[in-house]
PDB file of N, CA and C in Angstrom:
ATOM      1  N   MET A   1       6.795  -4.476   3.995  1.00  0.00           N
ATOM      2  CA  MET A   1       6.704  -3.132   3.274  1.00  0.00           C
ATOM      3  C   MET A   1       8.081  -2.608   2.665  1.00  0.00           C
ATOM      4  N   GLU A   2       8.580  -1.867   3.848  1.00  0.00           N
ATOM      5  CA  GLU A   2       9.823  -1.170   3.502  1.00  0.00           C
ATOM      6  C   GLU A   2      10.522  -1.658   2.441  1.00  0.00           C
ATOM      7  N   GLU A   3      10.937  -3.056   2.728  1.00  0.00           N
ATOM      8  CA  GLU A   3      11.924  -3.524   1.563  1.00  0.00           C
ATOM      9  C   GLU A   3      11.408  -3.074   0.001  1.00  0.00           C
ATOM     10  N   ILE A   4      10.129  -3.094  -0.169  1.00  0.00           N
ATOM     11  CA  ILE A   4       9.597  -3.046  -1.653  1.00  0.00           C
ATOM     12  C   ILE A   4      10.129  -1.407  -1.856  1.00  0.00           C
ATOM     13  N   PHE A   5       9.704  -0.626  -0.892  1.00  0.00           N
ATOM     14  CA  PHE A   5       9.893   0.428  -1.371  1.00  0.00           C
ATOM     15  C   PHE A   5      11.185   0.730  -1.580  1.00  0.00           C
ATOM     16  N   ARG A   6      12.222   0.111  -0.455  1.00  0.00           N
ATOM     17  CA  ARG A   6      13.490   0.368  -0.909  1.00  0.00           C
ATOM     18  C   ARG A   6      14.315  -0.306  -1.943  1.00  0.00           C
ATOM     19  N   ALA A   7      13.281  -1.117  -2.465  1.00  0.00           N
ATOM     20  CA  ALA A   7      14.101  -2.043  -4.010  1.00  0.00           C
ATOM     21  C   ALA A   7      13.754  -1.176  -4.900  1.00  0.00           C
ATOM     22  N   ILE A   8      12.817  -0.657  -4.942  1.00  0.00           N
ATOM     23  CA  ILE A   8      12.284   0.268  -6.024  1.00  0.00           C
ATOM     24  C   ILE A   8      12.946   1.810  -5.979  1.00  0.00           C
ATOM     25  N   PHE A   9      13.267   2.493  -4.987  1.00  0.00           N
ATOM     26  CA  PHE A   9      13.841   3.503  -5.009  1.00  0.00           C
ATOM     27  C   PHE A   9      15.265   3.270  -5.410  1.00  0.00           C
ATOM     28  N   ASP A  10      16.084   1.950  -5.007  1.00  0.00           N
ATOM     29  CA  ASP A  10      17.553   1.703  -5.243  1.00  0.00           C
ATOM     30  C   ASP A  10      17.692   1.341  -6.763  1.00  0.00           C
ATOM     31  N   ALA A  11      16.532   1.084  -7.212  1.00  0.00           N
ATOM     32  CA  ALA A  11      16.808   0.355  -8.714  1.00  0.00           C
ATOM     33  C   ALA A  11      16.627   1.653  -9.577  1.00  0.00           C
ATOM     34  N   PHE A  12      15.809   2.815  -9.143  1.00  0.00           N
ATOM     35  CA  PHE A  12      15.310   4.057  -9.931  1.00  0.00           C
ATOM     36  C   PHE A  12      15.820   5.172  -8.970  1.00  0.00           C
ATOM     37  N   PRO A  13      16.748   5.339  -8.585  1.00  0.00           N
ATOM     38  CA  PRO A  13      17.270   6.312  -7.847  1.00  0.00           C
ATOM     39  C   PRO A  13      16.864   7.959  -8.053  1.00  0.00           C
ATOM     40  N   GLU A  14      16.498   8.047  -9.637  1.00  0.00           N
ATOM     41  CA  GLU A  14      16.216   9.559  -9.962  1.00  0.00           C
ATOM     42  C   GLU A  14      14.290   9.763  -9.549  1.00  0.00           C
ATOM     43  N   LYS A  15      13.856   8.558  -8.972  1.00  0.00           N
ATOM     44  CA  LYS A  15      12.605   8.788  -8.774  1.00  0.00           C
ATOM     45  C   LYS A  15      12.347   9.409  -7.147  1.00  0.00           C
ATOM     46  N   SER A  16      11.438  10.685  -7.013  1.00  0.00           N
ATOM     47  CA  SER A  16      11.315  11.084  -5.837  1.00  0.00           C
ATOM     48  C   SER A  16       9.930  10.488  -5.181  1.00  0.00           C
ATOM     49  N   ARG A  17       9.371  10.162  -6.374  1.00  0.00           N
ATOM     50  CA  ARG A  17       8.058   9.205  -5.007  1.00  0.00           C
ATOM     51  C   ARG A  17       7.873   8.040  -6.214  1.00  0.00           C
ATOM     52  N   ILE A  18       7.175   7.023  -5.703  1.00  0.00           N
ATOM     53  CA  ILE A  18       6.354   6.274  -6.400  1.00  0.00           C
ATOM     54  C   ILE A  18       4.841   5.957  -5.803  1.00  0.00           C
ATOM     55  N   THR A  19       4.071   5.573  -6.930  1.00  0.00           N
ATOM     56  CA  THR A  19       2.301   5.519  -6.637  1.00  0.00           C
ATOM     57  C   THR A  19       1.953   4.408  -6.672  1.00  0.00           C
ATOM     58  N   PHE A  20       1.010   4.184  -5.869  1.00  0.00           N
ATOM     59  CA  PHE A  20       0.330   2.798  -5.682  1.00  0.00           C
ATOM     60  C   PHE A  20      -1.158   3.468  -6.166  1.00  0.00           C
ATOM     61  N   GLN A  21      -1.947   2.771  -6.949  1.00  0.00           N
ATOM     62  CA  GLN A  21      -3.405   2.933  -7.459  1.00  0.00           C
ATOM     63  C   GLN A  21      -3.972   1.628  -6.974  1.00  0.00           C
ATOM     64  N   GLY A  22      -5.441   1.730  -6.770  1.00  0.00           N
ATOM     65  CA  GLY A  22      -6.109   0.661  -6.367  1.00  0.00           C
ATOM     66  C   GLY A  22      -7.557   1.221  -5.965  1.00  0.00           C
ATOM     67  N   LYS A  23      -7.789   0.001  -5.002  1.00  0.00           N
ATOM     68  CA  LYS A  23      -9.226   0.353  -4.445  1.00  0.00           C
ATOM     69  C   LYS A  23      -9.105   0.073  -2.938  1.00  0.00           C
ATOM     70  N   CYS A  24      -9.787   0.698  -2.140  1.00  0.00           N
ATOM     71  CA  CYS A  24      -9.548   0.761  -0.695  1.00  0.00           C
ATOM     72  C   CYS A  24     -10.108  -0.701  -0.097  1.00  0.00           C
ATOM     73  N   SER A  25      -9.694  -1.113   0.629  1.00  0.00           N
ATOM     74  CA  SER A  25     -10.445  -2.721   1.187  1.00  0.00           C
ATOM     75  C   SER A  25     -11.655  -2.284   2.108  1.00  0.00           C
ATOM     76  N   ASP A  26     -11.634  -1.209   2.554  1.00  0.00           N
ATOM     77  CA  ASP A  26     -12.949  -0.929   3.366  1.00  0.00           C
ATOM     78  C   ASP A  26     -13.923  -0.192   2.663  1.00  0.00           C
ATOM     79  N   CYS A  27     -13.965   0.967   2.058  1.00  0.00           N
ATOM     80  CA  CYS A  27     -15.073   1.755   1.315  1.00  0.00           C
ATOM     81  C   CYS A  27     -15.161   1.028   0.019  1.00  0.00           C
ATOM     82  N   LYS A  28     -14.050   0.525  -0.877  1.00  0.00           N
ATOM     83  CA  LYS A  28     -13.894   0.208  -1.811  1.00  0.00           C
ATOM     84  C   LYS A  28     -13.809   1.389  -3.304  1.00  0.00           C
ATOM     85  N   ASP A  29     -13.652   2.567  -2.558  1.00  0.00           N
ATOM     86  CA  ASP A  29     -13.074   3.719  -3.921  1.00  0.00           C
ATOM     87  C   ASP A  29     -11.705   3.633  -4.059  1.00  0.00           C
ATOM     88  N   ALA A  30     -11.542   4.340  -5.128  1.00  0.00           N
ATOM     89  CA  ALA A  30     -10.458   4.421  -6.199  1.00  0.00           C
ATOM     90  C   ALA A  30      -9.043   5.066  -4.428  1.00  0.00           C
ATOM     91  N   VAL A  31      -8.363   4.435  -4.880  1.00  0.00           N
ATOM     92  CA  VAL A  31      -7.130   5.060  -3.600  1.00  0.00           C
ATOM     93  C   VAL A  31      -5.742   5.443  -4.507  1.00  0.00           C
ATOM     94  N   THR A  32      -4.943   6.503  -4.204  1.00  0.00           N
ATOM     95  CA  THR A  32      -3.963   6.445  -4.923  1.00  0.00           C
ATOM     96  C   THR A  32      -2.772   6.810  -3.440  1.00  0.00           C
ATOM     97  N   ILE A  33      -2.022   6.305  -3.285  1.00  0.00           N
ATOM     98  CA  ILE A  33      -1.084   6.210  -2.264  1.00  0.00           C
ATOM     99  C   ILE A  33       0.328   6.860  -2.892  1.00  0.00           C
ATOM    100  N   HIS A  34       0.899   7.491  -2.257  1.00  0.00           N
ATOM    101  CA  HIS A  34       2.324   8.140  -3.148  1.00  0.00           C
ATOM    102  C   HIS A  34       3.116   7.674  -1.712  1.00  0.00           C
ATOM    103  N   VAL A  35       4.569   7.200  -2.070  1.00  0.00           N
ATOM    104  CA  VAL A  35       5.678   6.594  -1.208  1.00  0.00           C
ATOM    105  C   VAL A  35       6.656   7.853  -1.455  1.00  0.00           C
ATOM    106  N   ILE A  36       7.215   8.571  -0.706  1.00  0.00           N
ATOM    107  CA  ILE A  36       8.159   9.422  -0.666  1.00  0.00           C
ATOM    108  C   ILE A  36       9.562   8.920   0.371  1.00  0.00           C
ATOM    109  N   PRO A  37      10.375   9.042  -0.129  1.00  0.00           N
ATOM    110  CA  PRO A  37      11.515   8.679   0.715  1.00  0.00           C
ATOM    111  C   PRO A  37      11.747   9.922   1.880  1.00  0.00           C
ATOM    112  N   THR A  38      12.146   9.634   2.993  1.00  0.00           N
ATOM    113  CA  THR A  38      12.084  10.455   4.104  1.00  0.00           C
ATOM    114  C   THR A  38      13.692   9.828   4.994  1.00  0.00           C
ATOM    115  N   SER A  39      14.235  11.278   5.860  1.00  0.00           N
ATOM    116  CA  SER A  39      15.377  10.977   6.492  1.00  0.00           C
ATOM    117  C   SER A  39      15.034   9.415   7.516  1.00  0.00           C
ATOM    118  N   GLN A  40      13.825   9.328   7.684  1.00  0.00           N
ATOM    119  CA  GLN A  40      13.529   7.725   8.931  1.00  0.00           C
ATOM    120  C   GLN A  40      12.935   7.068   7.888  1.00  0.00           C
ATOM    121  N   GLY A  41      13.143   6.662   6.411  1.00  0.00           N
ATOM    122  CA  GLY A  41      12.407   5.684   6.062  1.00  0.00           C
ATOM    123  C   GLY A  41      11.618   6.085   4.769  1.00  0.00           C
ATOM    124  N   PHE A  42      10.000   6.080   4.933  1.00  0.00           N
ATOM    125  CA  PHE A  42       9.443   6.305   4.237  1.00  0.00           C
ATOM    126  C   PHE A  42       7.686   6.997   4.396  1.00  0.00           C
ATOM    127  N   GLY A  43       7.615   8.008   3.736  1.00  0.00           N
ATOM    128  CA  GLY A  43       6.705   8.715   4.116  1.00  0.00           C
ATOM    129  C   GLY A  43       5.275   8.386   2.913  1.00  0.00           C
ATOM    130  N   LEU A  44       3.856   8.367   3.442  1.00  0.00           N
ATOM    131  CA  LEU A  44       3.042   8.047   2.646  1.00  0.00           C
ATOM    132  C   LEU A  44       1.956   9.310   2.670  1.00  0.00           C
ATOM    133  N   SER A  45       1.269   9.024   1.909  1.00  0.00           N
ATOM    134  CA  SER A  45       0.076  10.381   1.613  1.00  0.00           C
ATOM    135  C   SER A  45      -1.057   9.789   0.693  1.00  0.00           C
ATOM    136  N   GLY A  46      -2.023  10.154   1.002  1.00  0.00           N
ATOM    137  CA  GLY A  46      -3.238   9.416   0.280  1.00  0.00           C
ATOM    138  C   GLY A  46      -3.898   8.183   0.460  1.00  0.00           C
ATOM    139  N   GLY A  47      -3.201   7.702   2.006  1.00  0.00           N
ATOM    140  CA  GLY A  47      -3.769   6.364   2.460  1.00  0.00           C
ATOM    141  C   GLY A  47      -2.589   5.828   3.022  1.00  0.00           C
ATOM    142  N   GLY A  48      -2.952   4.199   3.108  1.00  0.00           N
ATOM    143  CA  GLY A  48      -2.141   3.196   3.907  1.00  0.00           C
ATOM    144  C   GLY A  48      -1.919   2.163   3.318  1.00  0.00           C
ATOM    145  N   PHE A  49      -0.908   1.317   4.010  1.00  0.00           N
ATOM    146  CA  PHE A  49      -1.059  -0.306   3.922  1.00  0.00           C
ATOM    147  C   PHE A  49      -1.312  -0.962   5.319  1.00  0.00           C
ATOM    148  N   VAL A  50      -2.091  -1.920   5.135  1.00  0.00           N
ATOM    149  CA  VAL A  50      -2.151  -2.740   6.359  1.00  0.00           C
ATOM    150  C   VAL A  50      -1.998  -3.842   6.004  1.00  0.00           C
ATOM    151  N   GLU A  51      -1.003  -4.513   7.099  1.00  0.00           N
ATOM    152  CA  GLU A  51      -0.301  -6.328   7.143  1.00  0.00           C
ATOM    153  C   GLU A  51      -1.710  -6.777   7.098  1.00  0.00           C
ATOM    154  N   TYR A  52      -1.604  -7.714   6.426  1.00  0.00           N
ATOM    155  CA  TYR A  52      -3.335  -8.688   6.655  1.00  0.00           C
ATOM    156  C   TYR A  52      -2.406  -9.969   7.215  1.00  0.00           C
ATOM    157  N   SER A  53      -1.405 -10.548   6.759  1.00  0.00           N
ATOM    158  CA  SER A  53      -0.685 -11.620   7.295  1.00  0.00           C
ATOM    159  C   SER A  53       0.606 -11.525   6.515  1.00  0.00           C
ATOM    160  N   MET A  54       1.516 -12.716   6.751  1.00  0.00           N
ATOM    161  CA  MET A  54       2.890 -12.631   6.299  1.00  0.00           C
ATOM    162  C   MET A  54       3.096 -12.234   4.878  1.00  0.00           C
ATOM    163  N   GLY A  55       3.711 -10.921   4.584  1.00  0.00           N
ATOM    164  CA  GLY A  55       3.916 -10.622   3.158  1.00  0.00           C
ATOM    165  C   GLY A  55       2.391 -10.306   2.087  1.00  0.00           C
ATOM    166  N   LYS A  56       1.454 -10.136   2.976  1.00  0.00           N
ATOM    167  CA  LYS A  56       0.143  -9.290   2.482  1.00  0.00           C
ATOM    168  C   LYS A  56      -0.551  -8.523   2.938  1.00  0.00           C
ATOM    169  N   TYR A  57      -1.124  -7.634   2.069  1.00  0.00           N
ATOM    170  CA  TYR A  57      -1.110  -6.205   2.488  1.00  0.00           C
ATOM    171  C   TYR A  57      -2.437  -5.772   2.057  1.00  0.00           C
ATOM    172  N   ALA A  58      -3.802  -5.153   2.760  1.00  0.00           N
ATOM    173  CA  ALA A  58      -4.675  -4.424   2.311  1.00  0.00           C
ATOM    174  C   ALA A  58      -4.389  -3.299   2.288  1.00  0.00           C
ATOM    175  N   VAL A  59      -5.177  -2.298   1.617  1.00  0.00           N
ATOM    176  CA  VAL A  59      -4.782  -1.028   1.290  1.00  0.00           C
ATOM    177  C   VAL A  59      -6.226  -0.118   1.891  1.00  0.00           C
ATOM    178  N   LYS A  60      -5.741   0.626   2.297  1.00  0.00           N
ATOM    179  CA  LYS A  60      -6.782   1.709   3.136  1.00  0.00           C
ATOM    180  C   LYS A  60      -6.411   3.117   2.425  1.00  0.00           C
ATOM    181  N   CYS A  61      -7.883   3.958   2.043  1.00  0.00           N
ATOM    182  CA  CYS A  61      -7.645   5.252   1.730  1.00  0.00           C
ATOM    183  C   CYS A  61      -7.316   6.139   3.224  1.00  0.00           C
ATOM    184  N   SER A  62      -7.227   7.308   2.672  1.00  0.00           N
ATOM    185  CA  SER A  62      -6.815   8.152   4.068  1.00  0.00           C
ATOM    186  C   SER A  62      -7.970   8.408   4.897  1.00  0.00           C
ATOM    187  N   ASP A  63      -9.005   8.628   4.440  1.00  0.00           N
ATOM    188  CA  ASP A  63     -10.125   8.527   5.577  1.00  0.00           C
ATOM    189  C   ASP A  63     -10.335   7.173   6.562  1.00  0.00           C
ATOM    190  N   CYS A  64     -10.401   6.167   5.824  1.00  0.00           N
ATOM    191  CA  CYS A  64     -10.635   4.823   6.559  1.00  0.00           C
ATOM    192  C   CYS A  64      -9.284   4.240   7.154  1.00  0.00           C
ATOM    193  N   TYR A  65      -8.156   4.757   6.796  1.00  0.00           N
ATOM    194  CA  TYR A  65      -6.849   4.538   7.451  1.00  0.00           C
ATOM    195  C   TYR A  65      -7.063   5.199   8.762  1.00  0.00           C
ATOM    196  N   LYS A  66      -7.601   6.547   8.656  1.00  0.00           N
ATOM    197  CA  LYS A  66      -7.609   7.340  10.180  1.00  0.00           C
ATOM    198  C   LYS A  66      -8.567   6.813  10.921  1.00  0.00           C
ATOM    199  N   VAL A  67     -10.011   6.101  10.424  1.00  0.00           N
ATOM    200  CA  VAL A  67     -10.866   5.601  11.345  1.00  0.00           C
ATOM    201  C   VAL A  67     -10.355   4.611  12.088  1.00  0.00           C
ATOM    202  N   ASN A  68      -9.580   3.417  11.081  1.00  0.00           N
ATOM    203  CA  ASN A  68      -9.027   2.219  11.707  1.00  0.00           C
ATOM    204  C   ASN A  68      -7.835   2.162  11.104  1.00  0.00           C
ATOM    205  N   SER A  69      -6.774   2.045  11.636  1.00  0.00           N
ATOM    206  CA  SER A  69      -5.250   1.880  11.120  1.00  0.00           C
ATOM    207  C   SER A  69      -5.023   0.458  11.053  1.00  0.00           C
ATOM    208  N   LYS A  70      -5.793  -0.644  11.622  1.00  0.00           N
ATOM    209  CA  LYS A  70      -5.469  -1.793  11.703  1.00  0.00           C
ATOM    210  C   LYS A  70      -6.731  -2.743  10.934  1.00  0.00           C
ATOM    211  N   MET A  71      -6.364  -3.834  11.038  1.00  0.00           N
ATOM    212  CA  MET A  71      -7.286  -4.657  10.313  1.00  0.00           C
ATOM    213  C   MET A  71      -8.802  -5.190  11.245  1.00  0.00           C
ATOM    214  N   VAL A  72      -9.674  -5.093  10.626  1.00  0.00           N
ATOM    215  CA  VAL A  72     -11.383  -5.400  11.687  1.00  0.00           C
ATOM    216  C   VAL A  72     -11.337  -6.601  11.639  1.00  0.00           C
ATOM    217  N   GLU A  73     -11.702  -7.627  12.972  1.00  0.00           N
ATOM    218  CA  GLU A  73     -11.755  -8.613  12.795  1.00  0.00           C
ATOM    219  C   GLU A  73     -12.764  -9.249  11.851  1.00  0.00           C
ATOM    220  N   TYR A  74     -13.735  -8.787  11.468  1.00  0.00           N
ATOM    221  CA  TYR A  74     -14.547  -9.092  10.628  1.00  0.00           C
ATOM    222  C   TYR A  74     -13.793  -9.792   9.183  1.00  0.00           C
ATOM    223  N   TYR A  75     -12.725  -8.553   8.858  1.00  0.00           N
ATOM    224  CA  TYR A  75     -12.139  -8.902   7.575  1.00  0.00           C
ATOM    225  C   TYR A  75     -11.064  -9.967   7.801  1.00  0.00           C
ATOM    226  N   ILE A  76     -10.714 -10.435   9.071  1.00  0.00           N
ATOM    227  CA  ILE A  76      -9.497 -11.382   9.082  1.00  0.00           C
ATOM    228  C   ILE A  76     -10.168 -12.487   9.072  1.00  0.00           C
ATOM    229  N   SER A  77     -11.493 -12.827   9.472  1.00  0.00           N
ATOM    230  CA  SER A  77     -12.083 -14.077   9.292  1.00  0.00           C
ATOM    231  C   SER A  77     -12.762 -14.112   8.237  1.00  0.00           C
ATOM    232  N   ASN A  78     -12.882 -13.229   7.094  1.00  0.00           N
ATOM    233  CA  ASN A  78     -13.376 -12.982   5.520  1.00  0.00           C
ATOM    234  C   ASN A  78     -12.728 -12.791   4.620  1.00  0.00           C
ATOM    235  N   PRO A  79     -11.576 -13.248   4.663  1.00  0.00           N
ATOM    236  CA  PRO A  79     -10.504 -12.454   3.380  1.00  0.00           C
ATOM    237  C   PRO A  79     -10.888 -12.659   2.327  1.00  0.00           C
ATOM    238  N   ASN A  80     -12.155 -13.315   1.698  1.00  0.00           N
ATOM    239  CA  ASN A  80     -12.147 -13.171   0.084  1.00  0.00           C
ATOM    240  C   ASN A  80     -12.980 -11.991  -0.326  1.00  0.00           C
ATOM    241  N   ILE A  81     -13.403 -11.116   1.139  1.00  0.00           N
ATOM    242  CA  ILE A  81     -14.063  -9.865   0.794  1.00  0.00           C
ATOM    243  C   ILE A  81     -13.074  -8.729   0.627  1.00  0.00           C
ATOM    244  N   LEU A  82     -11.799  -9.009   0.256  1.00  0.00           N
ATOM    245  CA  LEU A  82     -10.715  -7.737   0.675  1.00  0.00           C
ATOM    246  C   LEU A  82     -10.023  -7.899  -0.772  1.00  0.00           C
ATOM    247  N   PRO A  83      -9.736  -6.779  -1.497  1.00  0.00           N
ATOM    248  CA  PRO A  83      -8.558  -7.012  -2.194  1.00  0.00           C
ATOM    249  C   PRO A  83      -7.295  -7.080  -1.398  1.00  0.00           C
ATOM    250  N   ILE A  84      -6.989  -8.118  -1.150  1.00  0.00           N
ATOM    251  CA  ILE A  84      -5.321  -8.269  -0.588  1.00  0.00           C
ATOM    252  C   ILE A  84      -3.923  -8.801  -1.701  1.00  0.00           C
ATOM    253  N   PHE A  85      -3.120  -7.589  -1.179  1.00  0.00           N
ATOM    254  CA  PHE A  85      -2.205  -7.977  -2.167  1.00  0.00           C
ATOM    255  C   PHE A  85      -0.860  -8.375  -1.559  1.00  0.00           C
ATOM    256  N   GLY A  86      -0.051  -9.031  -2.455  1.00  0.00           N
ATOM    257  CA  GLY A  86       1.200  -9.675  -2.073  1.00  0.00           C
ATOM    258  C   GLY A  86       2.161  -8.843  -2.190  1.00  0.00           C
ATOM    259  N   LYS A  87       2.806  -8.869  -2.065  1.00  0.00           N
ATOM    260  CA  LYS A  87       4.394  -8.062  -2.360  1.00  0.00           C
ATOM    261  C   LYS A  87       4.465  -8.092  -3.569  1.00  0.00           C
ATOM    262  N   LYS A  88       4.786  -8.877  -4.524  1.00  0.00           N
ATOM    263  CA  LYS A  88       4.996  -8.829  -5.880  1.00  0.00           C
ATOM    264  C   LYS A  88       3.690  -8.442  -6.625  1.00  0.00           C
ATOM    265  N   ASP A  89       2.435  -8.379  -6.656  1.00  0.00           N
ATOM    266  CA  ASP A  89       1.413  -7.509  -7.043  1.00  0.00           C
ATOM    267  C   ASP A  89       1.761  -6.110  -6.223  1.00  0.00           C
ATOM    268  N   LEU A  90       1.907  -5.759  -4.982  1.00  0.00           N
ATOM    269  CA  LEU A  90       2.372  -4.348  -5.048  1.00  0.00           C
ATOM    270  C   LEU A  90       3.463  -3.769  -5.990  1.00  0.00           C
ATOM    271  N   LEU A  91       4.634  -4.677  -6.006  1.00  0.00           N
ATOM    272  CA  LEU A  91       5.250  -4.232  -6.498  1.00  0.00           C
ATOM    273  C   LEU A  91       5.540  -3.955  -8.242  1.00  0.00           C
ATOM    274  N   SER A  92       4.667  -4.845  -8.716  1.00  0.00           N
ATOM    275  CA  SER A  92       4.068  -4.861 -10.053  1.00  0.00           C
ATOM    276  C   SER A  92       3.139  -3.362 -10.155  1.00  0.00           C
ATOM    277  N   ASN A  93       2.225  -3.244  -9.198  1.00  0.00           N
ATOM    278  CA  ASN A  93       1.322  -2.060  -9.336  1.00  0.00           C
ATOM    279  C   ASN A  93       1.687  -0.547  -9.453  1.00  0.00           C
ATOM    280  N   MET A  94       2.971  -0.687  -8.504  1.00  0.00           N
ATOM    281  CA  MET A  94       3.797   0.677  -8.372  1.00  0.00           C
ATOM    282  C   MET A  94       4.566   0.743  -9.700  1.00  0.00           C
ATOM    283  N   LEU A  95       5.566  -0.647 -10.074  1.00  0.00           N
ATOM    284  CA  LEU A  95       5.923  -0.493 -11.530  1.00  0.00           C
ATOM    285  C   LEU A  95       5.507   0.510 -12.334  1.00  0.00           C
ATOM    286  N   SER A  96       4.338  -0.592 -12.707  1.00  0.00           N
ATOM    287  CA  SER A  96       3.513  -0.222 -13.598  1.00  0.00           C
ATOM    288  C   SER A  96       2.751   1.123 -13.857  1.00  0.00           C
ATOM    289  N   ALA A  97       2.780   2.094 -12.735  1.00  0.00           N
ATOM    290  CA  ALA A  97       2.208   3.206 -12.555  1.00  0.00           C
ATOM    291  C   ALA A  97       3.094   4.374 -13.007  1.00  0.00           C
ATOM    292  N   HIS A  98       4.479   3.963 -13.233  1.00  0.00           N
ATOM    293  CA  HIS A  98       5.716   4.797 -13.909  1.00  0.00           C
ATOM    294  C   HIS A  98       6.243   4.473 -14.927  1.00  0.00           C
ATOM    295  N   PHE A  99       6.138   3.088 -15.470  1.00  0.00           N
ATOM    296  CA  PHE A  99       7.015   2.551 -16.652  1.00  0.00           C
ATOM    297  C   PHE A  99       5.950   2.294 -17.767  1.00  0.00           C
TER     298      PHE A  99
END
């Protein structure tokens, strides 16, 4: 995930934040996650990304992320019920929100 953020900020150094817009994998509500570079990497506000499998991510709103910041076993065994994003999908989403 960090390499996606780094690639976007390296390509667009004038950006102070990038945004992901989608649906929470748990509650299905709309979620907007802002990614901000920090001295220790990247900070997120509005939700989080949970690695589902190598290179695939689920998205959680901040409320659902606070309740459980990991994938639930039920979801792991039923991946078709989740909006799962590959790195390319996440990158496209974030870039389309800005350009």
